PDB file of N, CA and C in Angstrom:
ATOM      1  N   MET A   1      21.500   8.639  11.389  1.00  0.00           N
ATOM      2  CA  MET A   1      22.223  10.629  11.501  1.00  0.00           C
ATOM      3  C   MET A   1      22.611  10.585  12.383  1.00  0.00           C
ATOM      4  N   CYS A   2      23.943  11.511  12.283  1.00  0.00           N
ATOM      5  CA  CYS A   2      24.080  11.819  13.385  1.00  0.00           C
ATOM      6  C   CYS A   2      23.380  13.651  13.651  1.00  0.00           C
ATOM      7  N   PRO A   3      22.873  13.569  15.017  1.00  0.00           N
ATOM      8  CA  PRO A   3      22.129  15.022  14.820  1.00  0.00           C
ATOM      9  C   PRO A   3      23.111  16.203  14.890  1.00  0.00           C
ATOM     10  N   CYS A   4      24.621  15.669  15.004  1.00  0.00           N
ATOM     11  CA  CYS A   4      25.258  17.366  14.901  1.00  0.00           C
ATOM     12  C   CYS A   4      25.166  17.606  13.138  1.00  0.00           C
ATOM     13  N   ALA A   5      24.608  16.974  12.366  1.00  0.00           N
ATOM     14  CA  ALA A   5      24.518  17.369  11.145  1.00  0.00           C
ATOM     15  C   ALA A   5      22.932  18.314  11.178  1.00  0.00           C
ATOM     16  N   LEU A   6      22.197  18.434  11.998  1.00  0.00           N
ATOM     17  CA  LEU A   6      21.060  19.072  12.235  1.00  0.00           C
ATOM     18  C   LEU A   6      21.397  20.523  12.837  1.00  0.00           C
ATOM     19  N   HIS A   7      22.184  20.763  13.221  1.00  0.00           N
ATOM     20  CA  HIS A   7      22.780  22.082  13.906  1.00  0.00           C
ATOM     21  C   HIS A   7      23.733  22.960  13.060  1.00  0.00           C
ATOM     22  N   GLY A   8      24.499  22.330  12.523  1.00  0.00           N
ATOM     23  CA  GLY A   8      25.580  23.205  11.682  1.00  0.00           C
ATOM     24  C   GLY A   8      27.038  22.607  12.295  1.00  0.00           C
ATOM     25  N   GLY A   9      26.505  21.880  14.099  1.00  0.00           N
ATOM     26  CA  GLY A   9      27.929  21.770  14.416  1.00  0.00           C
ATOM     27  C   GLY A   9      27.749  20.773  15.789  1.00  0.00           C
ATOM     28  N   PRO A  10      29.045  20.392  16.372  1.00  0.00           N
ATOM     29  CA  PRO A  10      28.809  19.708  17.592  1.00  0.00           C
ATOM     30  C   PRO A  10      28.733  20.546  18.700  1.00  0.00           C
ATOM     31  N   PRO A  11      27.524  19.979  18.976  1.00  0.00           N
ATOM     32  CA  PRO A  11      27.135  21.080  20.639  1.00  0.00           C
ATOM     33  C   PRO A  11      28.188  20.636  21.523  1.00  0.00           C
ATOM     34  N   ALA A  12      28.542  20.783  22.874  1.00  0.00           N
ATOM     35  CA  ALA A  12      29.410  20.732  24.238  1.00  0.00           C
ATOM     36  C   ALA A  12      29.320  19.515  24.294  1.00  0.00           C
ATOM     37  N   PRO A  13      28.231  18.515  24.292  1.00  0.00           N
ATOM     38  CA  PRO A  13      28.430  17.495  24.707  1.00  0.00           C
ATOM     39  C   PRO A  13      27.800  16.646  24.005  1.00  0.00           C
ATOM     40  N   CYS A  14      28.148  16.035  22.651  1.00  0.00           N
ATOM     41  CA  CYS A  14      27.726  15.637  21.571  1.00  0.00           C
ATOM     42  C   CYS A  14      27.722  14.141  21.414  1.00  0.00           C
ATOM     43  N   PRO A  15      26.227  13.528  21.308  1.00  0.00           N
ATOM     44  CA  PRO A  15      25.334  12.437  21.572  1.00  0.00           C
ATOM     45  C   PRO A  15      26.652  11.432  20.651  1.00  0.00           C
ATOM     46  N   CYS A  16      27.218  11.875  19.567  1.00  0.00           N
ATOM     47  CA  CYS A  16      28.144  10.861  18.140  1.00  0.00           C
ATOM     48  C   CYS A  16      29.715  11.155  19.352  1.00  0.00           C
ATOM     49  N   SER A  17      30.007  11.495  19.955  1.00  0.00           N
ATOM     50  CA  SER A  17      31.204  11.856  20.525  1.00  0.00           C
ATOM     51  C   SER A  17      32.020  10.232  20.848  1.00  0.00           C
ATOM     52  N   PRO A  18      32.851   9.486  20.746  1.00  0.00           N
ATOM     53  CA  PRO A  18      33.638   8.290  20.890  1.00  0.00           C
ATOM     54  C   PRO A  18      33.667   8.326  22.386  1.00  0.00           C
ATOM     55  N   GLY A  19      33.949   9.560  23.385  1.00  0.00           N
ATOM     56  CA  GLY A  19      33.709   9.338  24.370  1.00  0.00           C
ATOM     57  C   GLY A  19      32.651   9.130  25.293  1.00  0.00           C
ATOM     58  N   ARG A  20      31.552   9.172  24.486  1.00  0.00           N
ATOM     59  CA  ARG A  20      30.519   9.605  25.476  1.00  0.00           C
ATOM     60  C   ARG A  20      29.735   7.781  25.084  1.00  0.00           C
ATOM     61  N   ALA A  21      29.483   7.159  26.305  1.00  0.00           N
ATOM     62  CA  ALA A  21      28.716   5.942  26.469  1.00  0.00           C
ATOM     63  C   ALA A  21      27.291   5.609  25.427  1.00  0.00           C
ATOM     64  N   ALA A  22      27.318   4.254  24.635  1.00  0.00           N
ATOM     65  CA  ALA A  22      26.210   4.303  24.074  1.00  0.00           C
ATOM     66  C   ALA A  22      25.207   3.853  24.568  1.00  0.00           C
ATOM     67  N   ARG A  23      24.106   5.003  25.014  1.00  0.00           N
ATOM     68  CA  ARG A  23      22.675   4.353  25.490  1.00  0.00           C
ATOM     69  C   ARG A  23      21.920   5.578  25.180  1.00  0.00           C
ATOM     70  N   PRO A  24      21.088   5.230  24.994  1.00  0.00           N
ATOM     71  CA  PRO A  24      19.639   6.149  24.467  1.00  0.00           C
ATOM     72  C   PRO A  24      19.645   7.287  25.331  1.00  0.00           C
ATOM     73  N   SER A  25      19.887   8.571  24.284  1.00  0.00           N
ATOM     74  CA  SER A  25      19.396   9.798  25.127  1.00  0.00           C
ATOM     75  C   SER A  25      18.116   9.965  25.086  1.00  0.00           C
ATOM     76  N   ALA A  26      17.520  11.164  25.867  1.00  0.00           N
ATOM     77  CA  ALA A  26      16.222  11.433  26.612  1.00  0.00           C
ATOM     78  C   ALA A  26      15.601  11.658  25.446  1.00  0.00           C
ATOM     79  N   ALA A  27      15.940  12.431  23.995  1.00  0.00           N
ATOM     80  CA  ALA A  27      15.378  12.800  23.025  1.00  0.00           C
ATOM     81  C   ALA A  27      15.089  11.626  22.162  1.00  0.00           C
ATOM     82  N   ALA A  28      15.830  10.245  22.058  1.00  0.00           N
ATOM     83  CA  ALA A  28      16.123   9.257  21.274  1.00  0.00           C
ATOM     84  C   ALA A  28      14.767   8.833  21.747  1.00  0.00           C
ATOM     85  N   ARG A  29      14.836   7.916  23.098  1.00  0.00           N
ATOM     86  CA  ARG A  29      13.495   7.537  24.219  1.00  0.00           C
ATOM     87  C   ARG A  29      11.974   8.842  23.708  1.00  0.00           C
ATOM     88  N   LEU A  30      12.404   9.287  24.187  1.00  0.00           N
ATOM     89  CA  LEU A  30      11.133  10.570  23.188  1.00  0.00           C
ATOM     90  C   LEU A  30      10.592   9.715  22.152  1.00  0.00           C
ATOM     91  N   LEU A  31      11.211   9.969  21.321  1.00  0.00           N
ATOM     92  CA  LEU A  31      10.879   9.856  19.824  1.00  0.00           C
ATOM     93  C   LEU A  31      10.884   8.385  20.171  1.00  0.00           C
ATOM     94  N   ALA A  32      11.397   7.679  20.501  1.00  0.00           N
ATOM     95  CA  ALA A  32      10.805   6.224  20.123  1.00  0.00           C
ATOM     96  C   ALA A  32       9.384   5.583  20.666  1.00  0.00           C
ATOM     97  N   ALA A  33       8.866   6.701  22.493  1.00  0.00           N
ATOM     98  CA  ALA A  33       7.844   6.705  22.603  1.00  0.00           C
ATOM     99  C   ALA A  33       6.781   7.024  21.765  1.00  0.00           C
ATOM    100  N   ARG A  34       7.424   8.521  20.989  1.00  0.00           N
ATOM    101  CA  ARG A  34       6.129   8.733  20.243  1.00  0.00           C
ATOM    102  C   ARG A  34       5.567   7.881  18.717  1.00  0.00           C
ATOM    103  N   LEU A  35       6.864   7.084  18.287  1.00  0.00           N
ATOM    104  CA  LEU A  35       6.911   6.758  17.204  1.00  0.00           C
ATOM    105  C   LEU A  35       6.352   5.456  17.807  1.00  0.00           C
ATOM    106  N   ARG A  36       6.059   4.904  18.795  1.00  0.00           N
ATOM    107  CA  ARG A  36       5.203   3.651  19.381  1.00  0.00           C
ATOM    108  C   ARG A  36       4.088   4.247  19.894  1.00  0.00           C
ATOM    109  N   ARG A  37       3.399   5.123  20.408  1.00  0.00           N
ATOM    110  CA  ARG A  37       2.194   5.549  20.248  1.00  0.00           C
ATOM    111  C   ARG A  37       1.582   5.893  18.636  1.00  0.00           C
ATOM    112  N   LEU A  38       2.302   6.322  18.059  1.00  0.00           N
ATOM    113  CA  LEU A  38       1.747   6.912  16.057  1.00  0.00           C
ATOM    114  C   LEU A  38       1.403   5.360  15.792  1.00  0.00           C
ATOM    115  N   GLY A  39       2.403   4.200  16.072  1.00  0.00           N
ATOM    116  CA  GLY A  39       1.630   3.043  15.341  1.00  0.00           C
ATOM    117  C   GLY A  39       0.761   2.174  16.124  1.00  0.00           C
ATOM    118  N   ASP A  40       0.360   2.648  17.421  1.00  0.00           N
ATOM    119  CA  ASP A  40      -0.724   2.301  18.037  1.00  0.00           C
ATOM    120  C   ASP A  40      -1.809   2.747  17.621  1.00  0.00           C
ATOM    121  N   GLU A  41      -2.079   4.241  17.271  1.00  0.00           N
ATOM    122  CA  GLU A  41      -2.864   5.234  17.021  1.00  0.00           C
ATOM    123  C   GLU A  41      -3.124   4.236  15.200  1.00  0.00           C
ATOM    124  N   LEU A  42      -2.700   3.975  14.738  1.00  0.00           N
ATOM    125  CA  LEU A  42      -2.542   3.652  13.517  1.00  0.00           C
ATOM    126  C   LEU A  42      -3.008   2.158  13.495  1.00  0.00           C
ATOM    127  N   GLU A  43      -2.661   1.530  14.129  1.00  0.00           N
ATOM    128  CA  GLU A  43      -3.342   0.144  14.513  1.00  0.00           C
ATOM    129  C   GLU A  43      -4.661   0.103  14.817  1.00  0.00           C
ATOM    130  N   GLN A  44      -5.428   1.289  15.996  1.00  0.00           N
ATOM    131  CA  GLN A  44      -6.856   1.552  16.187  1.00  0.00           C
ATOM    132  C   GLN A  44      -7.409   1.715  14.955  1.00  0.00           C
ATOM    133  N   ARG A  45      -7.142   2.667  14.162  1.00  0.00           N
ATOM    134  CA  ARG A  45      -7.670   3.093  13.265  1.00  0.00           C
ATOM    135  C   ARG A  45      -7.697   2.411  12.045  1.00  0.00           C
ATOM    136  N   ALA A  46      -7.085   1.232  12.139  1.00  0.00           N
ATOM    137  CA  ALA A  46      -7.260   0.093  10.763  1.00  0.00           C
ATOM    138  C   ALA A  46      -8.150  -0.780  11.594  1.00  0.00           C
ATOM    139  N   ALA A  47      -8.391  -1.337  12.731  1.00  0.00           N
ATOM    140  CA  ALA A  47      -8.786  -2.073  13.283  1.00  0.00           C
ATOM    141  C   ALA A  47     -10.328  -1.376  13.250  1.00  0.00           C
ATOM    142  N   ARG A  48     -10.538  -0.297  13.641  1.00  0.00           N
ATOM    143  CA  ARG A  48     -12.267  -0.029  13.806  1.00  0.00           C
ATOM    144  C   ARG A  48     -12.672  -0.084  11.776  1.00  0.00           C
ATOM    145  N   ARG A  49     -11.742   0.902  10.893  1.00  0.00           N
ATOM    146  CA  ARG A  49     -11.601   0.403   9.727  1.00  0.00           C
ATOM    147  C   ARG A  49     -12.401  -0.645   9.326  1.00  0.00           C
ATOM    148  N   LYS A  50     -11.646  -1.443   9.354  1.00  0.00           N
ATOM    149  CA  LYS A  50     -11.502  -3.290   9.207  1.00  0.00           C
ATOM    150  C   LYS A  50     -12.904  -4.153   9.989  1.00  0.00           C
ATOM    151  N   ALA A  51     -13.349  -3.307  11.188  1.00  0.00           N
ATOM    152  CA  ALA A  51     -14.641  -3.482  11.930  1.00  0.00           C
ATOM    153  C   ALA A  51     -15.637  -2.623  11.264  1.00  0.00           C
ATOM    154  N   ARG A  52     -15.743  -2.212  10.660  1.00  0.00           N
ATOM    155  CA  ARG A  52     -16.749  -0.900  10.404  1.00  0.00           C
ATOM    156  C   ARG A  52     -17.187  -1.370   8.942  1.00  0.00           C
ATOM    157  N   GLY A  53     -16.248  -2.329   8.099  1.00  0.00           N
ATOM    158  CA  GLY A  53     -16.605  -2.592   7.013  1.00  0.00           C
ATOM    159  C   GLY A  53     -16.598  -1.862   5.605  1.00  0.00           C
ATOM    160  N   ARG A  54     -17.137  -2.504   4.733  1.00  0.00           N
ATOM    161  CA  ARG A  54     -17.344  -1.144   3.520  1.00  0.00           C
ATOM    162  C   ARG A  54     -18.663  -0.949   3.160  1.00  0.00           C
ATOM    163  N   GLY A  55     -19.330  -1.730   3.418  1.00  0.00           N
ATOM    164  CA  GLY A  55     -20.992  -1.297   3.229  1.00  0.00           C
ATOM    165  C   GLY A  55     -20.820  -2.126   1.964  1.00  0.00           C
ATOM    166  N   PRO A  56     -22.349  -2.149   1.302  1.00  0.00           N
ATOM    167  CA  PRO A  56     -22.769  -3.076  -0.072  1.00  0.00           C
ATOM    168  C   PRO A  56     -22.198  -2.304  -1.362  1.00  0.00           C
ATOM    169  N   GLY A  57     -22.082  -1.432  -1.226  1.00  0.00           N
ATOM    170  CA  GLY A  57     -22.145  -0.819  -2.994  1.00  0.00           C
ATOM    171  C   GLY A  57     -20.558  -0.350  -2.881  1.00  0.00           C
ATOM    172  N   ALA A  58     -19.586  -0.457  -2.181  1.00  0.00           N
ATOM    173  CA  ALA A  58     -18.311   0.028  -2.062  1.00  0.00           C
ATOM    174  C   ALA A  58     -17.481  -0.821  -3.093  1.00  0.00           C
ATOM    175  N   GLY A  59     -17.939  -2.039  -3.797  1.00  0.00           N
ATOM    176  CA  GLY A  59     -17.332  -2.770  -4.514  1.00  0.00           C
ATOM    177  C   GLY A  59     -17.460  -2.263  -6.195  1.00  0.00           C
ATOM    178  N   ARG A  60     -18.903  -2.079  -6.175  1.00  0.00           N
ATOM    179  CA  ARG A  60     -19.762  -1.080  -7.315  1.00  0.00           C
ATOM    180  C   ARG A  60     -18.919   0.093  -7.981  1.00  0.00           C
ATOM    181  N   ARG A  61     -18.775   0.731  -6.485  1.00  0.00           N
ATOM    182  CA  ARG A  61     -18.589   1.732  -6.760  1.00  0.00           C
ATOM    183  C   ARG A  61     -17.220   2.055  -7.324  1.00  0.00           C
ATOM    184  N   LEU A  62     -15.957   1.072  -6.546  1.00  0.00           N
ATOM    185  CA  LEU A  62     -14.514   0.701  -7.345  1.00  0.00           C
ATOM    186  C   LEU A  62     -14.704   0.343  -8.692  1.00  0.00           C
ATOM    187  N   ALA A  63     -15.570  -0.543  -9.144  1.00  0.00           N
ATOM    188  CA  ALA A  63     -15.884  -1.052 -10.613  1.00  0.00           C
ATOM    189  C   ALA A  63     -16.034   0.290 -11.627  1.00  0.00           C
ATOM    190  N   ALA A  64     -17.195   1.207 -10.997  1.00  0.00           N
ATOM    191  CA  ALA A  64     -17.202   1.978 -11.829  1.00  0.00           C
ATOM    192  C   ALA A  64     -16.399   3.240 -11.716  1.00  0.00           C
ATOM    193  N   VAL A  65     -15.073   3.647 -10.739  1.00  0.00           N
ATOM    194  CA  VAL A  65     -14.315   4.288 -10.869  1.00  0.00           C
ATOM    195  C   VAL A  65     -12.884   3.536 -11.795  1.00  0.00           C
ATOM    196  N   LEU A  66     -12.970   2.578 -11.550  1.00  0.00           N
ATOM    197  CA  LEU A  66     -11.607   1.557 -12.262  1.00  0.00           C
ATOM    198  C   LEU A  66     -12.010   1.756 -13.925  1.00  0.00           C
ATOM    199  N   CYS A  67     -13.744   1.720 -14.124  1.00  0.00           N
ATOM    200  CA  CYS A  67     -13.913   1.532 -15.693  1.00  0.00           C
ATOM    201  C   CYS A  67     -13.776   3.078 -16.014  1.00  0.00           C
ATOM    202  N   LEU A  68     -13.747   3.899 -15.739  1.00  0.00           N
ATOM    203  CA  LEU A  68     -13.936   5.670 -15.919  1.00  0.00           C
ATOM    204  C   LEU A  68     -12.239   6.012 -16.021  1.00  0.00           C
ATOM    205  N   LEU A  69     -11.873   5.205 -15.670  1.00  0.00           N
ATOM    206  CA  LEU A  69     -10.438   5.376 -15.318  1.00  0.00           C
ATOM    207  C   LEU A  69      -9.882   4.561 -16.754  1.00  0.00           C
ATOM    208  N   CYS A  70     -10.017   3.250 -16.634  1.00  0.00           N
ATOM    209  CA  CYS A  70      -9.972   2.704 -18.529  1.00  0.00           C
ATOM    210  C   CYS A  70     -10.118   3.651 -19.789  1.00  0.00           C
ATOM    211  N   ALA A  71     -11.514   4.087 -19.122  1.00  0.00           N
ATOM    212  CA  ALA A  71     -12.122   5.160 -20.251  1.00  0.00           C
ATOM    213  C   ALA A  71     -11.263   5.763 -20.728  1.00  0.00           C
ATOM    214  N   LEU A  72     -10.957   6.924 -19.933  1.00  0.00           N
ATOM    215  CA  LEU A  72     -10.250   8.297 -20.115  1.00  0.00           C
ATOM    216  C   LEU A  72      -8.850   8.285 -20.338  1.00  0.00           C
ATOM    217  N   THR A  73      -8.106   7.301 -20.269  1.00  0.00           N
ATOM    218  CA  THR A  73      -6.645   7.019 -20.430  1.00  0.00           C
ATOM    219  C   THR A  73      -6.146   7.153 -21.726  1.00  0.00           C
ATOM    220  N   PRO A  74      -7.062   6.569 -22.733  1.00  0.00           N
ATOM    221  CA  PRO A  74      -6.576   6.942 -24.032  1.00  0.00           C
ATOM    222  C   PRO A  74      -6.842   8.142 -24.710  1.00  0.00           C
ATOM    223  N   ALA A  75      -8.272   8.730 -24.182  1.00  0.00           N
ATOM    224  CA  ALA A  75      -8.365   9.895 -24.424  1.00  0.00           C
ATOM    225  C   ALA A  75      -7.228  11.222 -23.936  1.00  0.00           C
ATOM    226  N   ALA A  76      -7.124  10.968 -22.815  1.00  0.00           N
ATOM    227  CA  ALA A  76      -5.997  11.474 -22.023  1.00  0.00           C
ATOM    228  C   ALA A  76      -4.705  11.870 -22.828  1.00  0.00           C
ATOM    229  N   ALA A  77      -4.075  10.352 -22.956  1.00  0.00           N
ATOM    230  CA  ALA A  77      -3.211   9.908 -23.719  1.00  0.00           C
ATOM    231  C   ALA A  77      -3.033  10.786 -25.601  1.00  0.00           C
ATOM    232  N   LEU A  78      -4.447  10.439 -25.734  1.00  0.00           N
ATOM    233  CA  LEU A  78      -4.478  11.088 -27.208  1.00  0.00           C
ATOM    234  C   LEU A  78      -4.196  12.852 -27.252  1.00  0.00           C
ATOM    235  N   ALA A  79      -4.579  13.360 -26.286  1.00  0.00           N
ATOM    236  CA  ALA A  79      -4.562  15.272 -25.987  1.00  0.00           C
ATOM    237  C   ALA A  79      -3.199  15.327 -25.737  1.00  0.00           C
ATOM    238  N   TRP A  80      -3.045  14.436 -25.053  1.00  0.00           N
ATOM    239  CA  TRP A  80      -1.230  14.796 -24.677  1.00  0.00           C
ATOM    240  C   TRP A  80      -0.178  14.725 -25.998  1.00  0.00           C
ATOM    241  N   LEU A  81      -0.834  13.798 -26.860  1.00  0.00           N
ATOM    242  CA  LEU A  81       0.025  13.362 -27.587  1.00  0.00           C
ATOM    243  C   LEU A  81      -0.342  14.824 -28.774  1.00  0.00           C
ATOM    244  N   ILE A  82      -1.380  15.155 -28.860  1.00  0.00           N
ATOM    245  CA  ILE A  82      -1.853  16.400 -29.892  1.00  0.00           C
ATOM    246  C   ILE A  82      -0.867  17.603 -29.588  1.00  0.00           C
ATOM    247  N   ARG A  83      -0.921  17.616 -28.184  1.00  0.00           N
ATOM    248  CA  ARG A  83      -0.615  18.953 -27.342  1.00  0.00           C
ATOM    249  C   ARG A  83       1.027  18.802 -27.682  1.00  0.00           C
ATOM    250  N   ARG A  84       1.687  17.546 -27.947  1.00  0.00           N
ATOM    251  CA  ARG A  84       3.142  17.695 -28.235  1.00  0.00           C
ATOM    252  C   ARG A  84       3.554  17.744 -29.056  1.00  0.00           C
ATOM    253  N   ARG A  85       2.746  17.585 -30.077  1.00  0.00           N
ATOM    254  CA  ARG A  85       2.638  17.448 -31.766  1.00  0.00           C
ATOM    255  C   ARG A  85       2.588  18.848 -31.859  1.00  0.00           C
ATOM    256  N   SER A  86       1.591  19.741 -31.119  1.00  0.00           N
ATOM    257  CA  SER A  86       1.619  21.152 -31.639  1.00  0.00           C
ATOM    258  C   SER A  86       2.902  21.985 -31.109  1.00  0.00           C
ATOM    259  N   LEU A  87       3.576  21.715 -30.310  1.00  0.00           N
ATOM    260  CA  LEU A  87       4.203  22.486 -29.818  1.00  0.00           C
ATOM    261  C   LEU A  87       6.113  22.357 -30.467  1.00  0.00           C
TER     262      LEU A  87
END
């Protein structure tokens, strides 16, 4: 995306202009560094979560939630149909 679109018009030294060499600007390098740090942090969080484990009751809780969801879906669909017919 052209950065000129962000502020409405080209600035004095527009990075998109054909006269300028194709090299990453300071803002692009800064953004790349931020994205790298964010990716590293997300990797660390995922590794901690994986190392911590789920615990013994996690599977049962997931099964209970899914069972409840399956039980409530037809009731919600029926309520939606009744409400739609009354309109």
